[in-house]
Amino acid sequence: MLKPFVALHSENIALSSPVSVLGTPVAGNIEDTYTNLPLVAERLGMISDNMGYIYSLELLRAPRRSTSERI
């Protein structure tokens, strides 16, 4: 039951790495600017989805822990 949690947690760590070095100049290095906002927004959405799955897994595990603690 811990493998999905660990996989989602690891994916969140990878998704939270900086994207500022991923820009590509497209105007011949002449005052070129770029934005990584679409990539950041996509990653943030994936992290948010993963957190929902992690909390769902925690809710599934909660009844098991409470019944095993009573024994």
PDB file of N, CA and C in Angstrom:
ATOM      1  N   MET A   1       0.819  -1.193   0.000  1.00  0.00           N
ATOM      2  CA  MET A   1       0.000   0.000   0.000  1.00  0.00           C
ATOM      3  C   MET A   1       0.866   1.262   0.000  1.00  0.00           C
ATOM      4  N   LEU A   2       2.122   1.145   0.409  1.00  0.00           N
ATOM      5  CA  LEU A   2       2.981   2.324   0.462  1.00  0.00           C
ATOM      6  C   LEU A   2       3.616   2.656  -0.883  1.00  0.00           C
ATOM      7  N   LYS A   3       3.666   1.701  -1.797  1.00  0.00           N
ATOM      8  CA  LYS A   3       4.333   1.947  -3.076  1.00  0.00           C
ATOM      9  C   LYS A   3       3.679   3.075  -3.875  1.00  0.00           C
ATOM     10  N   PRO A   4       2.348   3.135  -3.999  1.00  0.00           N
ATOM     11  CA  PRO A   4       1.757   4.270  -4.729  1.00  0.00           C
ATOM     12  C   PRO A   4       2.054   5.611  -4.059  1.00  0.00           C
ATOM     13  N   PHE A   5       2.027   5.630  -2.738  1.00  0.00           N
ATOM     14  CA  PHE A   5       2.329   6.871  -2.011  1.00  0.00           C
ATOM     15  C   PHE A   5       3.751   7.329  -2.296  1.00  0.00           C
ATOM     16  N   VAL A   6       4.694   6.403  -2.228  1.00  0.00           N
ATOM     17  CA  VAL A   6       6.098   6.746  -2.465  1.00  0.00           C
ATOM     18  C   VAL A   6       6.300   7.199  -3.910  1.00  0.00           C
ATOM     19  N   ALA A   7       5.643   6.537  -4.856  1.00  0.00           N
ATOM     20  CA  ALA A   7       5.768   6.919  -6.263  1.00  0.00           C
ATOM     21  C   ALA A   7       5.226   8.327  -6.498  1.00  0.00           C
ATOM     22  N   LEU A   8       4.066   8.644  -5.924  1.00  0.00           N
ATOM     23  CA  LEU A   8       3.489   9.983  -6.085  1.00  0.00           C
ATOM     24  C   LEU A   8       4.361  11.040  -5.416  1.00  0.00           C
ATOM     25  N   HIS A   9       4.882  10.710  -4.249  1.00  0.00           N
ATOM     26  CA  HIS A   9       5.756  11.647  -3.537  1.00  0.00           C
ATOM     27  C   HIS A   9       7.029  11.919  -4.351  1.00  0.00           C
ATOM     28  N   SER A  10       7.614  10.877  -4.912  1.00  0.00           N
ATOM     29  CA  SER A  10       8.819  11.039  -5.727  1.00  0.00           C
ATOM     30  C   SER A  10       8.532  11.862  -6.971  1.00  0.00           C
ATOM     31  N   GLU A  11       7.378  11.635  -7.578  1.00  0.00           N
ATOM     32  CA  GLU A  11       7.002  12.411  -8.758  1.00  0.00           C
ATOM     33  C   GLU A  11       6.827  13.892  -8.400  1.00  0.00           C
ATOM     34  N   ASN A  12       6.237  14.165  -7.244  1.00  0.00           N
ATOM     35  CA  ASN A  12       6.067  15.554  -6.804  1.00  0.00           C
ATOM     36  C   ASN A  12       7.418  16.225  -6.585  1.00  0.00           C
ATOM     37  N   ILE A  13       8.363  15.503  -6.046  1.00  0.00           N
ATOM     38  CA  ILE A  13       9.705  16.067  -5.836  1.00  0.00           C
ATOM     39  C   ILE A  13      10.335  16.408  -7.184  1.00  0.00           C
ATOM     40  N   ALA A  14      10.198  15.506  -8.156  1.00  0.00           N
ATOM     41  CA  ALA A  14      10.758  15.769  -9.482  1.00  0.00           C
ATOM     42  C   ALA A  14      10.052  16.945 -10.159  1.00  0.00           C
ATOM     43  N   LEU A  15       8.744  17.030 -10.000  1.00  0.00           N
ATOM     44  CA  LEU A  15       7.987  18.111 -10.625  1.00  0.00           C
ATOM     45  C   LEU A  15       8.269  19.468  -9.992  1.00  0.00           C
ATOM     46  N   SER A  16       8.722  19.474  -8.740  1.00  0.00           N
ATOM     47  CA  SER A  16       8.951  20.745  -8.055  1.00  0.00           C
ATOM     48  C   SER A  16      10.331  21.336  -8.322  1.00  0.00           C
ATOM     49  N   SER A  17      11.123  20.680  -9.158  1.00  0.00           N
ATOM     50  CA  SER A  17      12.444  21.230  -9.482  1.00  0.00           C
ATOM     51  C   SER A  17      12.296  22.488 -10.328  1.00  0.00           C
ATOM     52  N   PRO A  18      13.248  23.409 -10.242  1.00  0.00           N
ATOM     53  CA  PRO A  18      13.140  24.667 -10.985  1.00  0.00           C
ATOM     54  C   PRO A  18      13.132  24.452 -12.498  1.00  0.00           C
ATOM     55  N   VAL A  19      12.394  25.286 -13.196  1.00  0.00           N
ATOM     56  CA  VAL A  19      12.350  25.204 -14.653  1.00  0.00           C
ATOM     57  C   VAL A  19      13.003  26.423 -15.296  1.00  0.00           C
ATOM     58  N   SER A  20      13.636  27.263 -14.509  1.00  0.00           N
ATOM     59  CA  SER A  20      14.193  28.506 -15.036  1.00  0.00           C
ATOM     60  C   SER A  20      15.340  28.271 -16.010  1.00  0.00           C
ATOM     61  N   VAL A  21      15.989  27.125 -15.962  1.00  0.00           N
ATOM     62  CA  VAL A  21      17.110  26.854 -16.864  1.00  0.00           C
ATOM     63  C   VAL A  21      16.654  26.200 -18.161  1.00  0.00           C
ATOM     64  N   LEU A  22      15.369  25.981 -18.315  1.00  0.00           N
ATOM     65  CA  LEU A  22      14.864  25.277 -19.482  1.00  0.00           C
ATOM     66  C   LEU A  22      14.482  26.198 -20.629  1.00  0.00           C
ATOM     67  N   GLY A  23      14.712  27.492 -20.513  1.00  0.00           N
ATOM     68  CA  GLY A  23      14.337  28.423 -21.567  1.00  0.00           C
ATOM     69  C   GLY A  23      15.262  28.307 -22.771  1.00  0.00           C
ATOM     70  N   THR A  24      14.743  28.633 -23.944  1.00  0.00           N
ATOM     71  CA  THR A  24      15.522  28.580 -25.168  1.00  0.00           C
ATOM     72  C   THR A  24      15.442  29.926 -25.870  1.00  0.00           C
ATOM     73  N   PRO A  25      16.570  30.584 -26.120  1.00  0.00           N
ATOM     74  CA  PRO A  25      16.525  31.848 -26.850  1.00  0.00           C
ATOM     75  C   PRO A  25      16.093  31.612 -28.296  1.00  0.00           C
ATOM     76  N   VAL A  26      15.238  32.477 -28.801  1.00  0.00           N
ATOM     77  CA  VAL A  26      14.728  32.292 -30.154  1.00  0.00           C
ATOM     78  C   VAL A  26      14.973  33.487 -31.064  1.00  0.00           C
ATOM     79  N   ALA A  27      15.557  34.554 -30.544  1.00  0.00           N
ATOM     80  CA  ALA A  27      15.776  35.748 -31.367  1.00  0.00           C
ATOM     81  C   ALA A  27      17.256  36.034 -31.565  1.00  0.00           C
ATOM     82  N   GLY A  28      18.047  35.021 -31.656  1.00  0.00           N
ATOM     83  CA  GLY A  28      19.473  35.220 -31.891  1.00  0.00           C
ATOM     84  C   GLY A  28      20.202  35.877 -30.732  1.00  0.00           C
ATOM     85  N   ASN A  29      19.771  35.639 -29.518  1.00  0.00           N
ATOM     86  CA  ASN A  29      20.387  36.168 -28.295  1.00  0.00           C
ATOM     87  C   ASN A  29      20.367  37.692 -28.227  1.00  0.00           C
ATOM     88  N   ILE A  30      19.446  38.344 -28.926  1.00  0.00           N
ATOM     89  CA  ILE A  30      19.343  39.799 -28.900  1.00  0.00           C
ATOM     90  C   ILE A  30      18.188  40.173 -27.975  1.00  0.00           C
ATOM     91  N   GLU A  31      18.524  40.562 -26.752  1.00  0.00           N
ATOM     92  CA  GLU A  31      17.499  40.962 -25.784  1.00  0.00           C
ATOM     93  C   GLU A  31      16.351  39.959 -25.732  1.00  0.00           C
ATOM     94  N   ASP A  32      16.693  38.709 -25.794  1.00  0.00           N
ATOM     95  CA  ASP A  32      15.665  37.674 -25.860  1.00  0.00           C
ATOM     96  C   ASP A  32      15.136  37.361 -24.468  1.00  0.00           C
ATOM     97  N   THR A  33      13.846  37.295 -24.355  1.00  0.00           N
ATOM     98  CA  THR A  33      13.211  36.901 -23.095  1.00  0.00           C
ATOM     99  C   THR A  33      12.274  35.742 -23.376  1.00  0.00           C
ATOM    100  N   TYR A  34      12.041  34.964 -22.366  1.00  0.00           N
ATOM    101  CA  TYR A  34      11.120  33.845 -22.493  1.00  0.00           C
ATOM    102  C   TYR A  34      10.453  33.628 -21.157  1.00  0.00           C
ATOM    103  N   THR A  35       9.370  32.914 -21.202  1.00  0.00           N
ATOM    104  CA  THR A  35       8.656  32.617 -19.970  1.00  0.00           C
ATOM    105  C   THR A  35       8.427  31.115 -19.887  1.00  0.00           C
ATOM    106  N   ASN A  36       8.480  30.631 -18.692  1.00  0.00           N
ATOM    107  CA  ASN A  36       8.224  29.218 -18.446  1.00  0.00           C
ATOM    108  C   ASN A  36       6.880  29.025 -17.748  1.00  0.00           C
ATOM    109  N   LEU A  37       6.042  30.060 -17.774  1.00  0.00           N
ATOM    110  CA  LEU A  37       4.777  29.999 -17.060  1.00  0.00           C
ATOM    111  C   LEU A  37       3.895  28.822 -17.480  1.00  0.00           C
ATOM    112  N   PRO A  38       3.747  28.504 -18.774  1.00  0.00           N
ATOM    113  CA  PRO A  38       2.919  27.349 -19.127  1.00  0.00           C
ATOM    114  C   PRO A  38       3.444  26.039 -18.532  1.00  0.00           C
ATOM    115  N   LEU A  39       4.761  25.861 -18.549  1.00  0.00           N
ATOM    116  CA  LEU A  39       5.344  24.650 -17.980  1.00  0.00           C
ATOM    117  C   LEU A  39       5.159  24.614 -16.463  1.00  0.00           C
ATOM    118  N   VAL A  40       5.346  25.757 -15.820  1.00  0.00           N
ATOM    119  CA  VAL A  40       5.159  25.835 -14.367  1.00  0.00           C
ATOM    120  C   VAL A  40       3.704  25.530 -14.006  1.00  0.00           C
ATOM    121  N   ALA A  41       2.765  26.097 -14.752  1.00  0.00           N
ATOM    122  CA  ALA A  41       1.344  25.860 -14.477  1.00  0.00           C
ATOM    123  C   ALA A  41       0.986  24.393 -14.679  1.00  0.00           C
ATOM    124  N   GLU A  42       1.534  23.780 -15.711  1.00  0.00           N
ATOM    125  CA  GLU A  42       1.275  22.355 -15.955  1.00  0.00           C
ATOM    126  C   GLU A  42       1.811  21.501 -14.814  1.00  0.00           C
ATOM    127  N   ARG A  43       3.034  21.804 -14.380  1.00  0.00           N
ATOM    128  CA  ARG A  43       3.623  21.045 -13.273  1.00  0.00           C
ATOM    129  C   ARG A  43       2.841  21.248 -11.969  1.00  0.00           C
ATOM    130  N   LEU A  44       2.417  22.474 -11.732  1.00  0.00           N
ATOM    131  CA  LEU A  44       1.646  22.756 -10.526  1.00  0.00           C
ATOM    132  C   LEU A  44       0.323  21.988 -10.530  1.00  0.00           C
ATOM    133  N   GLY A  45      -0.311  21.909 -11.696  1.00  0.00           N
ATOM    134  CA  GLY A  45      -1.542  21.131 -11.814  1.00  0.00           C
ATOM    135  C   GLY A  45      -1.307  19.655 -11.540  1.00  0.00           C
ATOM    136  N   MET A  46      -0.187  19.121 -12.039  1.00  0.00           N
ATOM    137  CA  MET A  46       0.131  17.709 -11.801  1.00  0.00           C
ATOM    138  C   MET A  46       0.415  17.458 -10.325  1.00  0.00           C
ATOM    139  N   ILE A  47       1.123  18.392  -9.678  1.00  0.00           N
ATOM    140  CA  ILE A  47       1.399  18.254  -8.244  1.00  0.00           C
ATOM    141  C   ILE A  47       0.095  18.286  -7.457  1.00  0.00           C
ATOM    142  N   SER A  48      -0.799  19.177  -7.831  1.00  0.00           N
ATOM    143  CA  SER A  48      -2.098  19.275  -7.160  1.00  0.00           C
ATOM    144  C   SER A  48      -2.887  17.974  -7.306  1.00  0.00           C
ATOM    145  N   ASP A  49      -2.903  17.410  -8.510  1.00  0.00           N
ATOM    146  CA  ASP A  49      -3.580  16.128  -8.721  1.00  0.00           C
ATOM    147  C   ASP A  49      -2.956  15.027  -7.870  1.00  0.00           C
ATOM    148  N   ASN A  50      -1.626  14.986  -7.853  1.00  0.00           N
ATOM    149  CA  ASN A  50      -0.932  13.970  -7.064  1.00  0.00           C
ATOM    150  C   ASN A  50      -1.247  14.105  -5.579  1.00  0.00           C
ATOM    151  N   MET A  51      -1.338  15.334  -5.084  1.00  0.00           N
ATOM    152  CA  MET A  51      -1.666  15.524  -3.673  1.00  0.00           C
ATOM    153  C   MET A  51      -3.075  15.018  -3.375  1.00  0.00           C
ATOM    154  N   GLY A  52      -3.997  15.210  -4.296  1.00  0.00           N
ATOM    155  CA  GLY A  52      -5.340  14.656  -4.125  1.00  0.00           C
ATOM    156  C   GLY A  52      -5.313  13.150  -4.016  1.00  0.00           C
ATOM    157  N   TYR A  53      -4.489  12.494  -4.861  1.00  0.00           N
ATOM    158  CA  TYR A  53      -4.368  11.043  -4.799  1.00  0.00           C
ATOM    159  C   TYR A  53      -3.722  10.601  -3.482  1.00  0.00           C
ATOM    160  N   ILE A  54      -2.719  11.346  -3.032  1.00  0.00           N
ATOM    161  CA  ILE A  54      -2.051  10.999  -1.773  1.00  0.00           C
ATOM    162  C   ILE A  54      -3.034  11.092  -0.606  1.00  0.00           C
ATOM    163  N   TYR A  55      -3.825  12.162  -0.562  1.00  0.00           N
ATOM    164  CA  TYR A  55      -4.813  12.298   0.511  1.00  0.00           C
ATOM    165  C   TYR A  55      -5.882  11.212   0.417  1.00  0.00           C
ATOM    166  N   SER A  56      -6.237  10.814  -0.787  1.00  0.00           N
ATOM    167  CA  SER A  56      -7.198   9.717  -0.952  1.00  0.00           C
ATOM    168  C   SER A  56      -6.635   8.418  -0.399  1.00  0.00           C
ATOM    169  N   LEU A  57      -5.357   8.167  -0.683  1.00  0.00           N
ATOM    170  CA  LEU A  57      -4.721   6.965  -0.145  1.00  0.00           C
ATOM    171  C   LEU A  57      -4.689   7.003   1.381  1.00  0.00           C
ATOM    172  N   GLU A  58      -4.441   8.175   1.942  1.00  0.00           N
ATOM    173  CA  GLU A  58      -4.434   8.304   3.401  1.00  0.00           C
ATOM    174  C   GLU A  58      -5.823   8.018   3.976  1.00  0.00           C
ATOM    175  N   LEU A  59      -6.863   8.482   3.297  1.00  0.00           N
ATOM    176  CA  LEU A  59      -8.225   8.212   3.769  1.00  0.00           C
ATOM    177  C   LEU A  59      -8.562   6.732   3.682  1.00  0.00           C
ATOM    178  N   LEU A  60      -8.039   6.051   2.664  1.00  0.00           N
ATOM    179  CA  LEU A  60      -8.269   4.607   2.553  1.00  0.00           C
ATOM    180  C   LEU A  60      -7.550   3.838   3.652  1.00  0.00           C
ATOM    181  N   ARG A  61      -6.405   4.333   4.054  1.00  0.00           N
ATOM    182  CA  ARG A  61      -5.614   3.645   5.084  1.00  0.00           C
ATOM    183  C   ARG A  61      -6.107   3.928   6.500  1.00  0.00           C
ATOM    184  N   ALA A  62      -6.777   5.045   6.714  1.00  0.00           N
ATOM    185  CA  ALA A  62      -7.178   5.450   8.067  1.00  0.00           C
ATOM    186  C   ALA A  62      -8.036   4.396   8.764  1.00  0.00           C
ATOM    187  N   PRO A  63      -9.059   3.816   8.141  1.00  0.00           N
ATOM    188  CA  PRO A  63      -9.854   2.809   8.843  1.00  0.00           C
ATOM    189  C   PRO A  63      -9.048   1.565   9.191  1.00  0.00           C
ATOM    190  N   ARG A  64      -8.119   1.189   8.349  1.00  0.00           N
ATOM    191  CA  ARG A  64      -7.283   0.021   8.644  1.00  0.00           C
ATOM    192  C   ARG A  64      -6.436   0.254   9.884  1.00  0.00           C
ATOM    193  N   ARG A  65      -5.876   1.456   9.989  1.00  0.00           N
ATOM    194  CA  ARG A  65      -5.044   1.751  11.152  1.00  0.00           C
ATOM    195  C   ARG A  65      -5.865   1.771  12.426  1.00  0.00           C
ATOM    196  N   SER A  66      -7.070   2.326  12.372  1.00  0.00           N
ATOM    197  CA  SER A  66      -7.865   2.421  13.588  1.00  0.00           C
ATOM    198  C   SER A  66      -8.332   1.045  14.048  1.00  0.00           C
ATOM    199  N   THR A  67      -8.655   0.136  13.123  1.00  0.00           N
ATOM    200  CA  THR A  67      -9.074  -1.211  13.536  1.00  0.00           C
ATOM    201  C   THR A  67      -7.896  -2.031  14.005  1.00  0.00           C
ATOM    202  N   SER A  68      -6.720  -1.839  13.412  1.00  0.00           N
ATOM    203  CA  SER A  68      -5.565  -2.617  13.858  1.00  0.00           C
ATOM    204  C   SER A  68      -5.054  -2.113  15.198  1.00  0.00           C
ATOM    205  N   GLU A  69      -5.300  -0.861  15.534  1.00  0.00           N
ATOM    206  CA  GLU A  69      -4.859  -0.324  16.821  1.00  0.00           C
ATOM    207  C   GLU A  69      -5.735  -0.830  17.958  1.00  0.00           C
ATOM    208  N   ARG A  70      -6.974  -1.217  17.665  1.00  0.00           N
ATOM    209  CA  ARG A  70      -7.868  -1.706  18.713  1.00  0.00           C
ATOM    210  C   ARG A  70      -7.507  -3.104  19.168  1.00  0.00           C
ATOM    211  N   ILE A  71      -6.837  -3.841  18.311  1.00  0.00           N
ATOM    212  CA  ILE A  71      -6.514  -5.238  18.656  1.00  0.00           C
ATOM    213  C   ILE A  71      -5.394  -5.321  19.622  1.00  0.00           C
TER     214      ILE A  71
END
